[in-house]
Amino acid sequence: MTKKIFLFAFSAILLASCNNENTGSLFQTADEEVAVELFSHVKRVESVEFLNSSDYEEFLTPEMRSQISKDKQAMMRVSATKNDDIDTIYSLSEIPVVKEIVSKNIIYVSGKMITVTQDITPEEENILNTMTATPLLPEQTIKKTESKDGMLISYGADGNILSSEPYDEPNMKPFLDSLKYYVDLAEIESSKQSVKAQSPFSKIKSSAMPEGMNVWQMDNGNVVIEEIINSQSENGMRVKGVAGQMRSRTITNPEMDKTLRFELYQGNQMVTRRTYQYNGNEKLKNSVKIKGGAIENPSGIISEVLFVNERGIPKIKKTQEEYKQNQIIVHF
């Protein structure tokens, strides 16, 4: 198995799990042997924006410009820049919503799992909280959730229990078995020494690729993976009023161990753009190493998704994620 395939499989395991942060006394662990810990601390800002040529030129096909031309407000924004004095808010969706979440998962050797998630967003971060006529009291706002021993419990800001209900506790033993397989595989890969090691790009090009997938290398060494998306997978991805076959494009670094950018197209129309940032922070690196190097998770992800609102005007749903910690620690 190539390094790239291992990395993608390992990333899939991470994404399938909850995001989590090492906060020490977040909660007391049970008296059991810990197999895996997952930590995350992320600040997420969500907003809706008009398309403009300075930020979203790649989205502005002739078809999109034609739709925008039907709306005066959208037309004012399309040529605006950050320095222009256009600060009118036309809908509540344009006001950014901020969430700062700290979470932690512990998976025990037995397959039992405990999850705790805390909302540590400062109240003053969200202007909507001050605009609401009947805001929720702190003790009514969910600030912490805990899933443990078959129970899902929600807590208010003052620690009071808001809800408590049973849930189907998952058995994580199959997950641990799969993870151990990939960890052992990584150790084998790390122990191999080769004078002329084949590059990840050369390996994937020499292997059999699924139908509809194409891989090539850019002049700067980055690798592009393009794939046709079949009709069964594209439900929910399509943008109203846009025609064409859906395809994705993923750009990685030359080593193929970092995703730099992801793009989704519907015909020639870009409908999703996601960019990834890295800063080398130790709290963003997983404990498993491949050929001596730790798998590093992004420090920031900016996701921009095109949609058409109820008035037929194209807009962008933008999500900015800033990670202070995002890692998996394996105790095998």
Protein backbone atom coordinates (compact mmCIF):
# COMPACT_ATOMS: atom_id res chain seq x y z
CA MET A 1 0.00 0.00 0.00
CA THR A 2 1.40 3.39 -0.94
CA LYS A 3 2.04 6.21 1.51
CA LYS A 4 -0.75 8.22 -0.13
CA ILE A 5 -3.33 5.47 0.30
CA PHE A 6 -2.36 5.05 3.95
CA LEU A 7 -2.67 8.79 4.55
CA PHE A 8 -6.10 8.96 2.95
CA ALA A 9 -7.29 5.96 4.97
CA PHE A 10 -5.91 7.44 8.17
CA SER A 11 -7.55 10.81 7.41
CA ALA A 12 -10.87 9.07 6.77
CA ILE A 13 -10.66 7.53 10.23
CA LEU A 14 -10.03 10.95 11.72
CA LEU A 15 -12.93 12.56 9.87
CA ALA A 16 -15.30 9.78 10.84
CA SER A 17 -14.52 10.51 14.47
CA CYS A 18 -15.53 13.58 16.47
CA ASN A 19 -13.21 16.60 16.62
CA ASN A 20 -11.50 16.95 20.01
CA GLU A 21 -8.87 19.05 22.42
CA ASN A 22 -6.48 18.04 25.20
CA THR A 23 -7.61 20.15 28.11
CA GLY A 24 -6.28 18.04 30.96
CA SER A 25 -9.13 18.13 33.45
CA LEU A 26 -11.90 18.18 30.86
CA PHE A 27 -13.19 15.08 32.61
CA GLN A 28 -11.87 12.15 34.62
CA THR A 29 -11.15 8.97 32.66
CA ALA A 30 -12.41 5.61 33.79
CA ASP A 31 -10.03 3.09 35.29
CA GLU A 32 -9.47 1.36 31.95
CA GLU A 33 -6.63 1.10 29.48
CA VAL A 34 -6.80 3.90 26.90
CA ALA A 35 -6.19 2.94 23.27
CA VAL A 36 -6.76 6.21 21.41
CA GLU A 37 -7.35 9.86 22.27
CA LEU A 38 -8.68 12.44 19.81
CA PHE A 39 -8.42 16.14 20.58
CA SER A 40 -9.66 19.32 18.92
CA HIS A 41 -9.92 23.03 19.67
CA VAL A 42 -11.44 24.97 16.79
CA LYS A 43 -12.86 28.44 16.25
CA ARG A 44 -15.44 28.42 13.45
CA VAL A 45 -16.92 31.52 11.76
CA GLU A 46 -19.88 31.07 9.41
CA SER A 47 -21.43 33.73 7.18
CA VAL A 48 -23.22 34.29 3.88
CA GLU A 49 -21.66 36.66 1.36
CA PHE A 50 -22.52 38.20 -2.01
CA LEU A 51 -20.23 37.17 -4.85
CA ASN A 52 -17.59 39.77 -5.70
CA SER A 53 -14.80 39.77 -8.24
CA SER A 54 -12.00 40.34 -5.70
CA ASP A 55 -12.73 37.21 -3.62
CA TYR A 56 -14.85 34.97 -5.85
CA GLU A 57 -13.70 35.53 -9.43
CA GLU A 58 -13.43 31.77 -9.94
CA PHE A 59 -17.15 31.41 -9.21
CA LEU A 60 -18.20 34.24 -11.53
CA THR A 61 -18.96 32.46 -14.79
CA PRO A 62 -21.03 34.33 -17.43
CA GLU A 63 -24.10 32.43 -16.20
CA MET A 64 -23.58 33.58 -12.61
CA ARG A 65 -23.01 37.19 -13.72
CA SER A 66 -26.25 37.01 -15.69
CA GLN A 67 -28.17 35.92 -12.60
CA ILE A 68 -26.50 38.59 -10.46
CA SER A 69 -27.45 41.29 -12.97
CA LYS A 70 -31.11 40.77 -12.08
CA ASP A 71 -30.60 42.06 -8.53
CA LYS A 72 -29.51 45.61 -7.62
CA GLN A 73 -27.99 44.65 -4.26
CA ALA A 74 -25.98 41.80 -5.79
CA MET A 75 -24.78 44.06 -8.60
CA MET A 76 -23.49 46.62 -6.08
CA ARG A 77 -21.43 43.93 -4.39
CA VAL A 78 -20.01 42.12 -7.40
CA SER A 79 -17.44 44.84 -8.17
CA ALA A 80 -16.88 45.90 -4.56
CA THR A 81 -13.55 45.46 -2.79
CA LYS A 82 -12.68 45.22 0.88
CA ASN A 83 -11.83 48.92 0.91
CA ASP A 84 -15.19 50.03 -0.47
CA ASP A 85 -17.57 51.61 2.02
CA ILE A 86 -20.41 49.12 1.51
CA ASP A 87 -21.46 47.90 4.92
CA THR A 88 -25.21 47.56 4.53
CA ILE A 89 -26.58 44.30 5.92
CA TYR A 90 -29.48 42.98 3.86
CA SER A 91 -30.20 39.80 5.88
CA LEU A 92 -29.32 38.25 9.24
CA SER A 93 -27.41 35.50 7.41
CA GLU A 94 -24.73 38.08 6.50
CA ILE A 95 -23.87 38.56 10.18
CA PRO A 96 -21.05 36.12 11.04
CA VAL A 97 -21.82 33.41 13.59
CA VAL A 98 -18.85 32.44 15.76
CA LYS A 99 -18.39 29.14 17.59
CA GLU A 100 -15.34 28.06 19.57
CA ILE A 101 -15.47 24.38 20.46
CA VAL A 102 -13.17 22.20 22.57
CA SER A 103 -13.72 18.47 22.51
CA LYS A 104 -12.12 15.19 23.44
CA ASN A 105 -12.75 11.52 22.67
CA ILE A 106 -11.27 8.67 24.62
CA ILE A 107 -11.49 5.17 23.17
CA TYR A 108 -10.59 2.32 25.49
CA VAL A 109 -9.05 -1.02 24.54
CA SER A 110 -12.41 -2.62 25.33
CA GLY A 111 -14.06 -0.60 22.54
CA LYS A 112 -15.87 1.71 24.95
CA MET A 113 -15.81 5.44 24.10
CA ILE A 114 -16.37 8.66 26.06
CA THR A 115 -16.93 11.99 24.31
CA VAL A 116 -17.05 15.45 25.85
CA THR A 117 -17.65 18.64 23.86
CA GLN A 118 -17.56 22.16 25.34
CA ASP A 119 -18.74 25.41 23.78
CA ILE A 120 -16.32 28.09 25.03
CA THR A 121 -17.48 30.86 22.68
CA PRO A 122 -17.37 34.26 24.46
CA GLU A 123 -20.89 35.75 24.50
CA GLU A 124 -19.65 39.05 23.06
CA GLU A 125 -18.33 37.27 19.94
CA ASN A 126 -21.83 36.99 18.44
CA ILE A 127 -23.66 40.25 17.78
CA LEU A 128 -26.88 38.31 17.21
CA ASN A 129 -26.97 37.52 20.93
CA THR A 130 -27.43 41.21 21.70
CA MET A 131 -30.01 41.75 18.93
CA THR A 132 -32.38 38.99 20.06
CA ALA A 133 -35.47 40.30 21.85
CA THR A 134 -35.70 37.26 24.12
CA PRO A 135 -32.17 35.83 24.45
CA LEU A 136 -31.66 32.53 26.21
CA LEU A 137 -30.37 32.76 29.75
CA PRO A 138 -26.89 31.26 30.36
CA GLU A 139 -28.40 28.39 32.31
CA GLN A 140 -30.65 27.61 29.30
CA THR A 141 -27.83 27.51 26.77
CA ILE A 142 -26.10 24.20 26.06
CA LYS A 143 -22.42 24.68 26.83
CA LYS A 144 -21.30 21.09 27.32
CA THR A 145 -22.38 17.66 26.12
CA GLU A 146 -21.11 14.32 27.36
CA SER A 147 -21.75 10.86 25.98
CA LYS A 148 -20.79 8.13 28.41
CA ASP A 149 -22.11 4.74 29.52
CA GLY A 150 -25.02 4.83 27.11
CA MET A 151 -26.24 8.28 28.16
CA LEU A 152 -26.12 11.62 26.33
CA ILE A 153 -26.16 14.52 28.79
CA SER A 154 -26.34 18.25 28.04
CA TYR A 155 -25.28 20.93 30.54
CA GLY A 156 -26.01 24.66 30.81
CA ALA A 157 -23.43 27.38 31.44
CA ASP A 158 -23.77 27.01 35.21
CA GLY A 159 -23.30 23.23 35.08
CA ASN A 160 -26.98 22.31 35.46
CA ILE A 161 -28.28 19.33 33.48
CA LEU A 162 -30.54 20.48 30.64
CA SER A 163 -31.28 17.04 29.20
CA SER A 164 -30.34 13.42 29.75
CA GLU A 165 -31.34 10.63 27.42
CA PRO A 166 -30.11 7.15 26.46
CA TYR A 167 -28.30 6.60 23.18
CA ASP A 168 -26.94 3.58 21.34
CA GLU A 169 -23.37 3.38 22.57
CA PRO A 170 -21.10 2.36 19.66
CA ASN A 171 -18.65 -0.51 19.92
CA MET A 172 -15.35 0.98 18.73
CA LYS A 173 -13.47 -2.35 18.65
CA PRO A 174 -13.70 -2.70 14.82
CA PHE A 175 -12.41 0.88 14.54
CA LEU A 176 -9.46 0.05 16.80
CA ASP A 177 -8.67 -3.10 14.81
CA SER A 178 -8.61 -1.11 11.55
CA LEU A 179 -6.54 1.66 13.09
CA LYS A 180 -4.00 -0.80 14.48
CA TYR A 181 -3.64 -2.32 11.03
CA TYR A 182 -2.74 1.08 9.55
CA VAL A 183 -0.44 1.96 12.47
CA ASP A 184 1.46 -1.32 12.02
CA LEU A 185 1.61 -0.67 8.29
CA ALA A 186 3.06 2.79 8.92
CA GLU A 187 5.78 1.32 11.11
CA ILE A 188 6.69 -1.17 8.38
CA GLU A 189 6.81 1.67 5.83
CA SER A 190 9.01 3.72 8.17
CA SER A 191 11.51 0.88 8.58
CA LYS A 192 12.05 0.45 4.84
CA GLN A 193 15.20 1.99 3.43
CA SER A 194 15.62 2.63 -0.29
CA VAL A 195 18.38 4.53 -2.10
CA LYS A 196 16.00 5.48 -4.89
CA ALA A 197 12.62 5.69 -3.26
CA GLN A 198 9.77 6.04 -5.73
CA SER A 199 7.82 9.27 -5.30
CA PRO A 200 4.16 9.08 -4.18
CA PHE A 201 3.12 10.57 -7.53
CA SER A 202 5.06 7.93 -9.47
CA LYS A 203 3.51 5.19 -7.36
CA ILE A 204 -0.05 6.32 -7.93
CA LYS A 205 0.55 6.87 -11.65
CA SER A 206 1.93 3.34 -12.01
CA SER A 207 -1.00 1.77 -10.16
CA ALA A 208 -4.43 0.96 -11.57
CA MET A 209 -6.76 3.94 -11.16
CA PRO A 210 -10.55 3.80 -11.00
CA GLU A 211 -12.50 4.81 -14.09
CA GLY A 212 -13.13 8.54 -14.18
CA MET A 213 -10.01 9.45 -12.17
CA ASN A 214 -7.06 11.37 -13.57
CA VAL A 215 -3.84 12.37 -11.80
CA TRP A 216 -1.14 14.77 -12.96
CA GLN A 217 1.70 16.87 -11.55
CA MET A 218 1.88 20.65 -11.81
CA ASP A 219 5.03 22.60 -12.70
CA ASN A 220 5.61 23.40 -9.00
CA GLY A 221 5.48 19.70 -8.09
CA ASN A 222 2.02 19.73 -6.52
CA VAL A 223 -0.22 16.82 -7.48
CA VAL A 224 -3.75 17.17 -8.88
CA ILE A 225 -6.30 14.37 -8.49
CA GLU A 226 -9.45 14.86 -10.58
CA GLU A 227 -12.43 12.54 -10.34
CA ILE A 228 -15.85 12.32 -11.99
CA ILE A 229 -18.65 12.13 -9.41
CA ASN A 230 -21.39 9.65 -10.26
CA SER A 231 -25.08 10.46 -9.98
CA GLN A 232 -25.54 8.45 -6.77
CA SER A 233 -22.95 10.55 -4.90
CA GLU A 234 -23.91 13.97 -6.17
CA ASN A 235 -27.26 14.32 -4.39
CA GLY A 236 -27.19 17.42 -2.23
CA MET A 237 -24.11 18.78 -4.01
CA ARG A 238 -25.79 20.24 -7.08
CA VAL A 239 -26.59 23.95 -7.32
CA LYS A 240 -30.05 24.93 -8.53
CA GLY A 241 -30.07 26.24 -12.09
CA VAL A 242 -26.58 24.94 -12.96
CA ALA A 243 -26.19 22.10 -15.47
CA GLY A 244 -23.36 19.68 -16.15
CA GLN A 245 -21.46 16.65 -14.88
CA MET A 246 -20.01 16.98 -11.40
CA ARG A 247 -16.29 16.48 -10.83
CA SER A 248 -13.90 17.10 -7.98
CA ARG A 249 -10.31 18.30 -8.01
CA THR A 250 -7.94 17.81 -5.08
CA ILE A 251 -4.50 19.45 -5.00
CA THR A 252 -1.82 18.05 -2.68
CA ASN A 253 1.82 18.83 -2.00
CA PRO A 254 4.45 16.77 -3.92
CA GLU A 255 4.71 14.28 -1.03
CA MET A 256 0.92 13.84 -1.16
CA ASP A 257 0.66 14.04 2.63
CA LYS A 258 -1.09 17.43 2.76
CA THR A 259 -4.25 18.53 0.98
CA LEU A 260 -3.75 22.13 -0.16
CA ARG A 261 -7.01 22.76 -1.97
CA PHE A 262 -10.25 21.06 -2.93
CA GLU A 263 -12.57 22.17 -5.73
CA LEU A 264 -15.97 20.89 -6.82
CA TYR A 265 -17.37 21.68 -10.28
CA GLN A 266 -20.78 21.31 -11.88
CA GLY A 267 -19.99 21.42 -15.56
CA ASN A 268 -17.61 24.41 -15.85
CA GLN A 269 -19.11 26.13 -12.80
CA MET A 270 -17.11 26.00 -9.57
CA VAL A 271 -19.56 25.27 -6.74
CA THR A 272 -17.18 24.59 -3.84
CA ARG A 273 -13.69 25.82 -2.99
CA ARG A 274 -11.82 24.73 0.10
CA THR A 275 -8.30 25.88 1.00
CA TYR A 276 -6.08 24.42 3.70
CA GLN A 277 -3.36 26.12 5.77
CA TYR A 278 -0.56 24.54 7.83
CA ASN A 279 1.78 26.02 10.44
CA GLY A 280 3.76 23.09 11.89
CA ASN A 281 2.21 23.33 15.37
CA GLU A 282 2.90 20.16 17.39
CA LYS A 283 -0.74 20.11 18.55
CA LEU A 284 -1.78 19.58 14.95
CA LYS A 285 0.39 16.50 14.42
CA ASN A 286 -0.74 12.94 14.98
CA SER A 287 1.36 10.50 16.96
CA VAL A 288 1.77 8.04 14.07
CA LYS A 289 4.77 8.73 11.84
CA ILE A 290 5.49 7.66 8.27
CA LYS A 291 9.14 7.51 7.24
CA GLY A 292 9.98 9.57 10.33
CA GLY A 293 7.44 12.32 9.65
CA ALA A 294 4.24 12.95 11.59
CA ILE A 295 0.96 13.38 9.75
CA GLU A 296 0.09 17.07 10.13
CA ASN A 297 -3.50 18.32 10.19
CA PRO A 298 -4.47 21.78 8.90
CA SER A 299 -4.26 24.86 11.12
CA GLY A 300 -6.99 26.52 9.07
CA ILE A 301 -9.66 25.57 6.56
CA ILE A 302 -11.63 28.08 4.50
CA SER A 303 -14.68 26.57 2.82
CA GLU A 304 -16.77 28.51 0.26
CA VAL A 305 -19.93 26.94 -1.17
CA LEU A 306 -22.08 28.45 -3.91
CA PHE A 307 -25.86 28.38 -3.53
CA VAL A 308 -28.87 30.15 -5.02
CA ASN A 309 -31.26 31.76 -2.53
CA GLU A 310 -35.04 31.86 -2.65
CA ARG A 311 -34.92 35.02 -4.81
CA GLY A 312 -32.73 33.30 -7.39
CA ILE A 313 -29.58 35.24 -6.43
CA PRO A 314 -26.28 33.30 -6.18
CA LYS A 315 -24.41 33.72 -2.90
CA ILE A 316 -21.55 32.10 -1.01
CA LYS A 317 -21.81 30.26 2.28
CA LYS A 318 -18.40 30.77 3.88
CA THR A 319 -16.96 28.83 6.81
CA GLN A 320 -13.56 29.67 8.32
CA GLU A 321 -12.04 27.19 10.76
CA GLU A 322 -8.98 27.99 12.87
CA TYR A 323 -7.51 25.05 14.76
CA LYS A 324 -5.46 25.43 17.93
CA GLN A 325 -5.37 21.65 18.28
CA ASN A 326 -6.49 18.74 16.11
CA GLN A 327 -4.76 15.44 16.56
CA ILE A 328 -5.05 11.75 17.27
CA ILE A 329 -2.82 10.10 19.88
CA VAL A 330 -2.43 6.32 19.57
CA HIS A 331 -1.31 4.29 22.60
CA PHE A 332 -0.71 1.01 20.79
